[in-house]
PDB file of N, CA and C in Angstrom:
ATOM      1  N   MET A   1     -35.488  90.073 -47.461  1.00  0.00           N
ATOM      2  CA  MET A   1     -35.084  88.846 -46.786  1.00  0.00           C
ATOM      3  C   MET A   1     -35.932  88.577 -45.551  1.00  0.00           C
ATOM      4  N   LYS A   2     -36.269  89.613 -44.851  1.00  0.00           N
ATOM      5  CA  LYS A   2     -37.017  89.424 -43.628  1.00  0.00           C
ATOM      6  C   LYS A   2     -38.370  88.770 -43.899  1.00  0.00           C
ATOM      7  N   ARG A   3     -38.944  89.116 -45.022  1.00  0.00           N
ATOM      8  CA  ARG A   3     -40.239  88.558 -45.394  1.00  0.00           C
ATOM      9  C   ARG A   3     -40.155  87.046 -45.618  1.00  0.00           C
ATOM     10  N   ILE A   4     -39.091  86.597 -46.240  1.00  0.00           N
ATOM     11  CA  ILE A   4     -38.899  85.169 -46.502  1.00  0.00           C
ATOM     12  C   ILE A   4     -38.761  84.416 -45.178  1.00  0.00           C
ATOM     13  N   ARG A   5     -37.974  84.956 -44.280  1.00  0.00           N
ATOM     14  CA  ARG A   5     -37.812  84.295 -42.985  1.00  0.00           C
ATOM     15  C   ARG A   5     -39.149  84.186 -42.272  1.00  0.00           C
ATOM     16  N   SER A   6     -39.928  85.226 -42.374  1.00  0.00           N
ATOM     17  CA  SER A   6     -41.228  85.211 -41.730  1.00  0.00           C
ATOM     18  C   SER A   6     -42.106  84.104 -42.330  1.00  0.00           C
ATOM     19  N   ARG A   7     -42.058  83.938 -43.653  1.00  0.00           N
ATOM     20  CA  ARG A   7     -42.816  82.860 -44.308  1.00  0.00           C
ATOM     21  C   ARG A   7     -42.317  81.495 -43.861  1.00  0.00           C
ATOM     22  N   GLU A   8     -40.984  81.359 -43.772  1.00  0.00           N
ATOM     23  CA  GLU A   8     -40.408  80.087 -43.331  1.00  0.00           C
ATOM     24  C   GLU A   8     -40.838  79.767 -41.907  1.00  0.00           C
ATOM     25  N   ASN A   9     -40.817  80.767 -41.050  1.00  0.00           N
ATOM     26  CA  ASN A   9     -41.234  80.551 -39.666  1.00  0.00           C
ATOM     27  C   ASN A   9     -42.702  80.149 -39.586  1.00  0.00           C
ATOM     28  N   LYS A  10     -43.536  80.795 -40.397  1.00  0.00           N
ATOM     29  CA  LYS A  10     -44.957  80.440 -40.412  1.00  0.00           C
ATOM     30  C   LYS A  10     -45.151  79.018 -40.911  1.00  0.00           C
ATOM     31  N   ALA A  11     -44.377  78.654 -41.934  1.00  0.00           N
ATOM     32  CA  ALA A  11     -44.471  77.294 -42.465  1.00  0.00           C
ATOM     33  C   ALA A  11     -44.058  76.280 -41.400  1.00  0.00           C
ATOM     34  N   LYS A  12     -42.980  76.582 -40.683  1.00  0.00           N
ATOM     35  CA  LYS A  12     -42.532  75.692 -39.612  1.00  0.00           C
ATOM     36  C   LYS A  12     -43.580  75.583 -38.513  1.00  0.00           C
ATOM     37  N   GLN A  13     -44.150  76.720 -38.143  1.00  0.00           N
ATOM     38  CA  GLN A  13     -45.181  76.714 -37.096  1.00  0.00           C
ATOM     39  C   GLN A  13     -46.381  75.888 -37.538  1.00  0.00           C
ATOM     40  N   ASN A  14     -46.794  76.059 -38.790  1.00  0.00           N
ATOM     41  CA  ASN A  14     -47.926  75.278 -39.300  1.00  0.00           C
ATOM     42  C   ASN A  14     -47.612  73.791 -39.284  1.00  0.00           C
ATOM     43  N   PHE A  15     -46.389  73.453 -39.683  1.00  0.00           N
ATOM     44  CA  PHE A  15     -45.991  72.049 -39.697  1.00  0.00           C
ATOM     45  C   PHE A  15     -46.045  71.461 -38.292  1.00  0.00           C
ATOM     46  N   TYR A  16     -45.465  72.172 -37.331  1.00  0.00           N
ATOM     47  CA  TYR A  16     -45.447  71.669 -35.961  1.00  0.00           C
ATOM     48  C   TYR A  16     -46.852  71.577 -35.371  1.00  0.00           C
ATOM     49  N   GLN A  17     -47.725  72.501 -35.757  1.00  0.00           N
ATOM     50  CA  GLN A  17     -49.109  72.426 -35.279  1.00  0.00           C
ATOM     51  C   GLN A  17     -49.804  71.205 -35.862  1.00  0.00           C
ATOM     52  N   GLU A  18     -49.535  70.917 -37.150  1.00  0.00           N
ATOM     53  CA  GLU A  18     -50.134  69.744 -37.773  1.00  0.00           C
ATOM     54  C   GLU A  18     -49.651  68.473 -37.091  1.00  0.00           C
ATOM     55  N   VAL A  19     -48.353  68.394 -36.822  1.00  0.00           N
ATOM     56  CA  VAL A  19     -47.790  67.223 -36.159  1.00  0.00           C
ATOM     57  C   VAL A  19     -48.360  67.099 -34.746  1.00  0.00           C
ATOM     58  N   LYS A  20     -48.509  68.224 -34.080  1.00  0.00           N
ATOM     59  CA  LYS A  20     -49.005  68.218 -32.708  1.00  0.00           C
ATOM     60  C   LYS A  20     -50.418  67.643 -32.633  1.00  0.00           C
ATOM     61  N   PHE A  21     -51.236  67.943 -33.628  1.00  0.00           N
ATOM     62  CA  PHE A  21     -52.623  67.494 -33.605  1.00  0.00           C
ATOM     63  C   PHE A  21     -52.858  66.228 -34.421  1.00  0.00           C
ATOM     64  N   MET A  22     -51.800  65.664 -34.963  1.00  0.00           N
ATOM     65  CA  MET A  22     -51.922  64.448 -35.753  1.00  0.00           C
ATOM     66  C   MET A  22     -52.279  63.287 -34.820  1.00  0.00           C
ATOM     67  N   ASP A  23     -53.223  62.464 -35.221  1.00  0.00           N
ATOM     68  CA  ASP A  23     -53.565  61.342 -34.357  1.00  0.00           C
ATOM     69  C   ASP A  23     -52.447  60.301 -34.382  1.00  0.00           C
ATOM     70  N   LYS A  24     -52.462  59.442 -33.402  1.00  0.00           N
ATOM     71  CA  LYS A  24     -51.356  58.511 -33.183  1.00  0.00           C
ATOM     72  C   LYS A  24     -51.131  57.581 -34.376  1.00  0.00           C
ATOM     73  N   LYS A  25     -52.217  57.046 -34.958  1.00  0.00           N
ATOM     74  CA  LYS A  25     -52.071  56.113 -36.084  1.00  0.00           C
ATOM     75  C   LYS A  25     -51.454  56.798 -37.295  1.00  0.00           C
ATOM     76  N   THR A  26     -51.875  58.016 -37.572  1.00  0.00           N
ATOM     77  CA  THR A  26     -51.320  58.749 -38.710  1.00  0.00           C
ATOM     78  C   THR A  26     -49.851  59.037 -38.484  1.00  0.00           C
ATOM     79  N   LEU A  27     -49.497  59.409 -37.278  1.00  0.00           N
ATOM     80  CA  LEU A  27     -48.107  59.691 -36.952  1.00  0.00           C
ATOM     81  C   LEU A  27     -47.261  58.425 -37.092  1.00  0.00           C
ATOM     82  N   GLU A  28     -47.749  57.303 -36.595  1.00  0.00           N
ATOM     83  CA  GLU A  28     -47.014  56.045 -36.707  1.00  0.00           C
ATOM     84  C   GLU A  28     -46.839  55.649 -38.172  1.00  0.00           C
ATOM     85  N   ALA A  29     -47.860  55.868 -38.987  1.00  0.00           N
ATOM     86  CA  ALA A  29     -47.761  55.554 -40.411  1.00  0.00           C
ATOM     87  C   ALA A  29     -46.725  56.446 -41.086  1.00  0.00           C
ATOM     88  N   ALA A  30     -46.686  57.714 -40.716  1.00  0.00           N
ATOM     89  CA  ALA A  30     -45.709  58.642 -41.287  1.00  0.00           C
ATOM     90  C   ALA A  30     -44.292  58.249 -40.868  1.00  0.00           C
ATOM     91  N   ILE A  31     -44.130  57.866 -39.620  1.00  0.00           N
ATOM     92  CA  ILE A  31     -42.813  57.427 -39.126  1.00  0.00           C
ATOM     93  C   ILE A  31     -42.369  56.184 -39.882  1.00  0.00           C
ATOM     94  N   ARG A  32     -43.272  55.238 -40.030  1.00  0.00           N
ATOM     95  CA  ARG A  32     -42.940  53.990 -40.726  1.00  0.00           C
ATOM     96  C   ARG A  32     -42.528  54.273 -42.171  1.00  0.00           C
ATOM     97  N   GLU A  33     -43.277  55.143 -42.833  1.00  0.00           N
ATOM     98  CA  GLU A  33     -42.972  55.492 -44.221  1.00  0.00           C
ATOM     99  C   GLU A  33     -41.590  56.140 -44.338  1.00  0.00           C
ATOM    100  N   GLU A  34     -41.251  57.024 -43.418  1.00  0.00           N
ATOM    101  CA  GLU A  34     -39.936  57.664 -43.442  1.00  0.00           C
ATOM    102  C   GLU A  34     -38.819  56.655 -43.220  1.00  0.00           C
ATOM    103  N   LYS A  35     -39.040  55.710 -42.301  1.00  0.00           N
ATOM    104  CA  LYS A  35     -38.030  54.668 -42.057  1.00  0.00           C
ATOM    105  C   LYS A  35     -37.827  53.821 -43.305  1.00  0.00           C
ATOM    106  N   LEU A  36     -38.929  53.412 -43.922  1.00  0.00           N
ATOM    107  CA  LEU A  36     -38.837  52.596 -45.134  1.00  0.00           C
ATOM    108  C   LEU A  36     -38.102  53.346 -46.241  1.00  0.00           C
ATOM    109  N   LYS A  37     -38.415  54.613 -46.378  1.00  0.00           N
ATOM    110  CA  LYS A  37     -37.759  55.440 -47.388  1.00  0.00           C
ATOM    111  C   LYS A  37     -36.252  55.505 -47.127  1.00  0.00           C
ATOM    112  N   TYR A  38     -35.868  55.715 -45.873  1.00  0.00           N
ATOM    113  CA  TYR A  38     -34.452  55.789 -45.515  1.00  0.00           C
ATOM    114  C   TYR A  38     -33.744  54.468 -45.821  1.00  0.00           C
ATOM    115  N   PHE A  39     -34.335  53.356 -45.403  1.00  0.00           N
ATOM    116  CA  PHE A  39     -33.671  52.066 -45.605  1.00  0.00           C
ATOM    117  C   PHE A  39     -33.621  51.674 -47.078  1.00  0.00           C
ATOM    118  N   ARG A  40     -34.655  52.023 -47.853  1.00  0.00           N
ATOM    119  CA  ARG A  40     -34.615  51.770 -49.294  1.00  0.00           C
ATOM    120  C   ARG A  40     -33.440  52.503 -49.916  1.00  0.00           C
ATOM    121  N   GLU A  41     -33.276  53.764 -49.541  1.00  0.00           N
ATOM    122  CA  GLU A  41     -32.175  54.576 -50.054  1.00  0.00           C
ATOM    123  C   GLU A  41     -30.835  53.996 -49.614  1.00  0.00           C
ATOM    124  N   TRP A  42     -30.729  53.587 -48.350  1.00  0.00           N
ATOM    125  CA  TRP A  42     -29.484  53.013 -47.845  1.00  0.00           C
ATOM    126  C   TRP A  42     -29.127  51.736 -48.609  1.00  0.00           C
ATOM    127  N   ARG A  43     -30.128  50.884 -48.836  1.00  0.00           N
ATOM    128  CA  ARG A  43     -29.866  49.641 -49.576  1.00  0.00           C
ATOM    129  C   ARG A  43     -29.422  49.923 -51.006  1.00  0.00           C
ATOM    130  N   ARG A  44     -30.000  50.955 -51.620  1.00  0.00           N
ATOM    131  CA  ARG A  44     -29.624  51.318 -52.982  1.00  0.00           C
ATOM    132  C   ARG A  44     -28.179  51.803 -53.024  1.00  0.00           C
ATOM    133  N   LYS A  45     -27.738  52.511 -51.987  1.00  0.00           N
ATOM    134  CA  LYS A  45     -26.374  53.044 -51.950  1.00  0.00           C
ATOM    135  C   LYS A  45     -25.343  52.022 -51.503  1.00  0.00           C
ATOM    136  N   ASN A  46     -25.759  50.956 -50.802  1.00  0.00           N
ATOM    137  CA  ASN A  46     -24.824  49.982 -50.239  1.00  0.00           C
ATOM    138  C   ASN A  46     -25.154  48.550 -50.642  1.00  0.00           C
ATOM    139  N   PRO A  47     -25.162  48.242 -51.928  1.00  0.00           N
ATOM    140  CA  PRO A  47     -25.543  46.886 -52.347  1.00  0.00           C
ATOM    141  C   PRO A  47     -24.571  45.812 -51.847  1.00  0.00           C
ATOM    142  N   ASP A  48     -23.294  46.151 -51.712  1.00  0.00           N
ATOM    143  CA  ASP A  48     -22.318  45.178 -51.229  1.00  0.00           C
ATOM    144  C   ASP A  48     -22.587  44.791 -49.781  1.00  0.00           C
ATOM    145  N   LYS A  49     -22.955  45.779 -48.950  1.00  0.00           N
ATOM    146  CA  LYS A  49     -23.269  45.486 -47.549  1.00  0.00           C
ATOM    147  C   LYS A  49     -24.549  44.660 -47.440  1.00  0.00           C
ATOM    148  N   VAL A  50     -25.508  44.958 -48.297  1.00  0.00           N
ATOM    149  CA  VAL A  50     -26.773  44.203 -48.293  1.00  0.00           C
ATOM    150  C   VAL A  50     -26.498  42.743 -48.672  1.00  0.00           C
ATOM    151  N   ARG A  51     -25.683  42.555 -49.721  1.00  0.00           N
ATOM    152  CA  ARG A  51     -25.340  41.201 -50.148  1.00  0.00           C
ATOM    153  C   ARG A  51     -24.636  40.429 -49.030  1.00  0.00           C
ATOM    154  N   LYS A  52     -23.697  41.089 -48.366  1.00  0.00           N
ATOM    155  CA  LYS A  52     -22.950  40.452 -47.278  1.00  0.00           C
ATOM    156  C   LYS A  52     -23.888  40.087 -46.118  1.00  0.00           C
ATOM    157  N   HIS A  53     -24.769  41.011 -45.766  1.00  0.00           N
ATOM    158  CA  HIS A  53     -25.710  40.758 -44.680  1.00  0.00           C
ATOM    159  C   HIS A  53     -26.626  39.580 -45.016  1.00  0.00           C
ATOM    160  N   ASN A  54     -27.157  39.566 -46.244  1.00  0.00           N
ATOM    161  CA  ASN A  54     -28.043  38.469 -46.646  1.00  0.00           C
ATOM    162  C   ASN A  54     -27.322  37.130 -46.609  1.00  0.00           C
ATOM    163  N   LYS A  55     -26.080  37.114 -47.059  1.00  0.00           N
ATOM    164  CA  LYS A  55     -25.297  35.874 -47.040  1.00  0.00           C
ATOM    165  C   LYS A  55     -25.112  35.390 -45.601  1.00  0.00           C
ATOM    166  N   ASN A  56     -24.714  36.294 -44.706  1.00  0.00           N
ATOM    167  CA  ASN A  56     -24.520  35.927 -43.299  1.00  0.00           C
ATOM    168  C   ASN A  56     -25.826  35.442 -42.667  1.00  0.00           C
ATOM    169  N   TYR A  57     -26.920  36.135 -42.978  1.00  0.00           N
ATOM    170  CA  TYR A  57     -28.216  35.769 -42.407  1.00  0.00           C
ATOM    171  C   TYR A  57     -28.585  34.338 -42.777  1.00  0.00           C
ATOM    172  N   TRP A  58     -28.486  33.996 -44.068  1.00  0.00           N
ATOM    173  CA  TRP A  58     -28.894  32.658 -44.501  1.00  0.00           C
ATOM    174  C   TRP A  58     -27.929  31.578 -44.023  1.00  0.00           C
ATOM    175  N   GLU A  59     -26.644  31.910 -43.925  1.00  0.00           N
ATOM    176  CA  GLU A  59     -25.687  30.940 -43.375  1.00  0.00           C
ATOM    177  C   GLU A  59     -26.019  30.642 -41.915  1.00  0.00           C
ATOM    178  N   ASN A  60     -26.248  31.683 -41.136  1.00  0.00           N
ATOM    179  CA  ASN A  60     -26.568  31.486 -39.716  1.00  0.00           C
ATOM    180  C   ASN A  60     -27.885  30.744 -39.550  1.00  0.00           C
ATOM    181  N   ARG A  61     -28.838  31.021 -40.400  1.00  0.00           N
ATOM    182  CA  ARG A  61     -30.130  30.336 -40.320  1.00  0.00           C
ATOM    183  C   ARG A  61     -29.978  28.842 -40.628  1.00  0.00           C
ATOM    184  N   ALA A  62     -29.152  28.538 -41.635  1.00  0.00           N
ATOM    185  CA  ALA A  62     -28.910  27.131 -41.978  1.00  0.00           C
ATOM    186  C   ALA A  62     -28.163  26.422 -40.847  1.00  0.00           C
ATOM    187  N   LYS A  63     -27.182  27.101 -40.258  1.00  0.00           N
ATOM    188  CA  LYS A  63     -26.440  26.517 -39.136  1.00  0.00           C
ATOM    189  C   LYS A  63     -27.365  26.241 -37.957  1.00  0.00           C
ATOM    190  N   ALA A  64     -28.257  27.166 -37.673  1.00  0.00           N
ATOM    191  CA  ALA A  64     -29.195  26.990 -36.565  1.00  0.00           C
ATOM    192  C   ALA A  64     -30.109  25.790 -36.824  1.00  0.00           C
ATOM    193  N   LYS A  65     -30.573  25.675 -38.066  1.00  0.00           N
ATOM    194  CA  LYS A  65     -31.450  24.553 -38.407  1.00  0.00           C
ATOM    195  C   LYS A  65     -30.707  23.227 -38.264  1.00  0.00           C
ATOM    196  N   LEU A  66     -29.474  23.176 -38.753  1.00  0.00           N
ATOM    197  CA  LEU A  66     -28.679  21.953 -38.623  1.00  0.00           C
ATOM    198  C   LEU A  66     -28.412  21.637 -37.157  1.00  0.00           C
ATOM    199  N   GLY A  67     -28.159  22.676 -36.359  1.00  0.00           N
ATOM    200  CA  GLY A  67     -27.923  22.480 -34.928  1.00  0.00           C
ATOM    201  C   GLY A  67     -29.143  21.907 -34.237  1.00  0.00           C
ATOM    202  N   LYS A  68     -30.328  22.394 -34.570  1.00  0.00           N
ATOM    203  CA  LYS A  68     -31.565  21.880 -33.971  1.00  0.00           C
ATOM    204  C   LYS A  68     -31.802  20.435 -34.363  1.00  0.00           C
ATOM    205  N   GLU A  69     -31.561  20.130 -35.661  1.00  0.00           N
ATOM    206  CA  GLU A  69     -31.749  18.750 -36.123  1.00  0.00           C
ATOM    207  C   GLU A  69     -30.766  17.812 -35.428  1.00  0.00           C
ATOM    208  N   LYS A  70     -29.521  18.257 -35.263  1.00  0.00           N
ATOM    209  CA  LYS A  70     -28.517  17.419 -34.597  1.00  0.00           C
ATOM    210  C   LYS A  70     -28.904  17.198 -33.142  1.00  0.00           C
ATOM    211  N   LYS A  71     -29.392  18.247 -32.492  1.00  0.00           N
ATOM    212  CA  LYS A  71     -29.804  18.133 -31.100  1.00  0.00           C
ATOM    213  C   LYS A  71     -30.971  17.147 -30.974  1.00  0.00           C
ATOM    214  N   ALA A  72     -31.919  17.230 -31.900  1.00  0.00           N
ATOM    215  CA  ALA A  72     -33.068  16.324 -31.880  1.00  0.00           C
ATOM    216  C   ALA A  72     -32.615  14.885 -32.124  1.00  0.00           C
ATOM    217  N   ASP A  73     -31.657  14.683 -33.036  1.00  0.00           N
ATOM    218  CA  ASP A  73     -31.129  13.345 -33.296  1.00  0.00           C
ATOM    219  C   ASP A  73     -30.419  12.791 -32.069  1.00  0.00           C
ATOM    220  N   ASP A  74     -29.649  13.643 -31.390  1.00  0.00           N
ATOM    221  CA  ASP A  74     -28.942  13.215 -30.184  1.00  0.00           C
ATOM    222  C   ASP A  74     -29.927  12.775 -29.096  1.00  0.00           C
ATOM    223  N   ILE A  75     -30.982  13.545 -28.923  1.00  0.00           N
ATOM    224  CA  ILE A  75     -31.989  13.203 -27.912  1.00  0.00           C
ATOM    225  C   ILE A  75     -32.663  11.879 -28.270  1.00  0.00           C
ATOM    226  N   THR A  76     -32.971  11.699 -29.553  1.00  0.00           N
ATOM    227  CA  THR A  76     -33.599  10.449 -30.001  1.00  0.00           C
ATOM    228  C   THR A  76     -32.665   9.271 -29.749  1.00  0.00           C
ATOM    229  N   GLN A  77     -31.389   9.433 -30.059  1.00  0.00           N
ATOM    230  CA  GLN A  77     -30.427   8.360 -29.844  1.00  0.00           C
ATOM    231  C   GLN A  77     -30.282   8.046 -28.364  1.00  0.00           C
ATOM    232  N   GLN A  78     -30.267   9.066 -27.523  1.00  0.00           N
ATOM    233  CA  GLN A  78     -30.154   8.840 -26.088  1.00  0.00           C
ATOM    234  C   GLN A  78     -31.367   8.077 -25.572  1.00  0.00           C
ATOM    235  N   THR A  79     -32.537   8.428 -26.059  1.00  0.00           N
ATOM    236  CA  THR A  79     -33.751   7.733 -25.612  1.00  0.00           C
ATOM    237  C   THR A  79     -33.727   6.284 -26.079  1.00  0.00           C
ATOM    238  N   ASN A  80     -33.273   6.068 -27.297  1.00  0.00           N
ATOM    239  CA  ASN A  80     -33.213   4.700 -27.813  1.00  0.00           C
ATOM    240  C   ASN A  80     -32.193   3.866 -27.039  1.00  0.00           C
ATOM    241  N   ASN A  81     -31.072   4.462 -26.703  1.00  0.00           N
ATOM    242  CA  ASN A  81     -30.035   3.739 -25.958  1.00  0.00           C
ATOM    243  C   ASN A  81     -30.521   3.371 -24.550  1.00  0.00           C
ATOM    244  N   THR A  82     -31.186   4.308 -23.883  1.00  0.00           N
ATOM    245  CA  THR A  82     -31.647   4.018 -22.521  1.00  0.00           C
ATOM    246  C   THR A  82     -32.780   3.016 -22.534  1.00  0.00           C
ATOM    247  N   SER A  83     -33.651   3.065 -23.552  1.00  0.00           N
ATOM    248  CA  SER A  83     -34.771   2.108 -23.601  1.00  0.00           C
ATOM    249  C   SER A  83     -34.263   0.719 -23.935  1.00  0.00           C
ATOM    250  N   ALA A  84     -33.189   0.609 -24.719  1.00  0.00           N
ATOM    251  CA  ALA A  84     -32.630  -0.689 -25.051  1.00  0.00           C
ATOM    252  C   ALA A  84     -32.005  -1.330 -23.832  1.00  0.00           C
ATOM    253  N   LYS A  85     -31.478  -0.512 -22.913  1.00  0.00           N
ATOM    254  CA  LYS A  85     -30.871  -1.033 -21.703  1.00  0.00           C
ATOM    255  C   LYS A  85     -31.906  -1.334 -20.633  1.00  0.00           C
ATOM    256  N   GLY A  86     -33.138  -0.831 -20.838  1.00  0.00           N
ATOM    257  CA  GLY A  86     -34.179  -1.063 -19.870  1.00  0.00           C
ATOM    258  C   GLY A  86     -34.143  -0.137 -18.690  1.00  0.00           C
ATOM    259  N   GLU A  87     -33.575   1.038 -18.865  1.00  0.00           N
ATOM    260  CA  GLU A  87     -33.439   1.985 -17.763  1.00  0.00           C
ATOM    261  C   GLU A  87     -34.652   2.907 -17.617  1.00  0.00           C
ATOM    262  N   ILE A  88     -35.554   2.871 -18.532  1.00  0.00           N
ATOM    263  CA  ILE A  88     -36.686   3.793 -18.448  1.00  0.00           C
ATOM    264  C   ILE A  88     -37.724   3.326 -17.494  1.00  0.00           C
TER     265      ILE A  88
END
């Protein structure tokens, strides 16, 4: 058993040395890949939550778009009303 632990410790030391000397871009790419892997797995395990999130996202996006259009229409109407009265 002691021999196995020694191999495991050497493997861990080698891994940490590799990470220590890894350049920044390679490390960032490895981090990104791990995050993507985690989220892919999470989405596969939670399809109902993904569906709910997507529905909420698109509803809120549509509401925001309608709100912006309404605000733009209100501003246009206000400008038209003031110009008709000659207040500009």
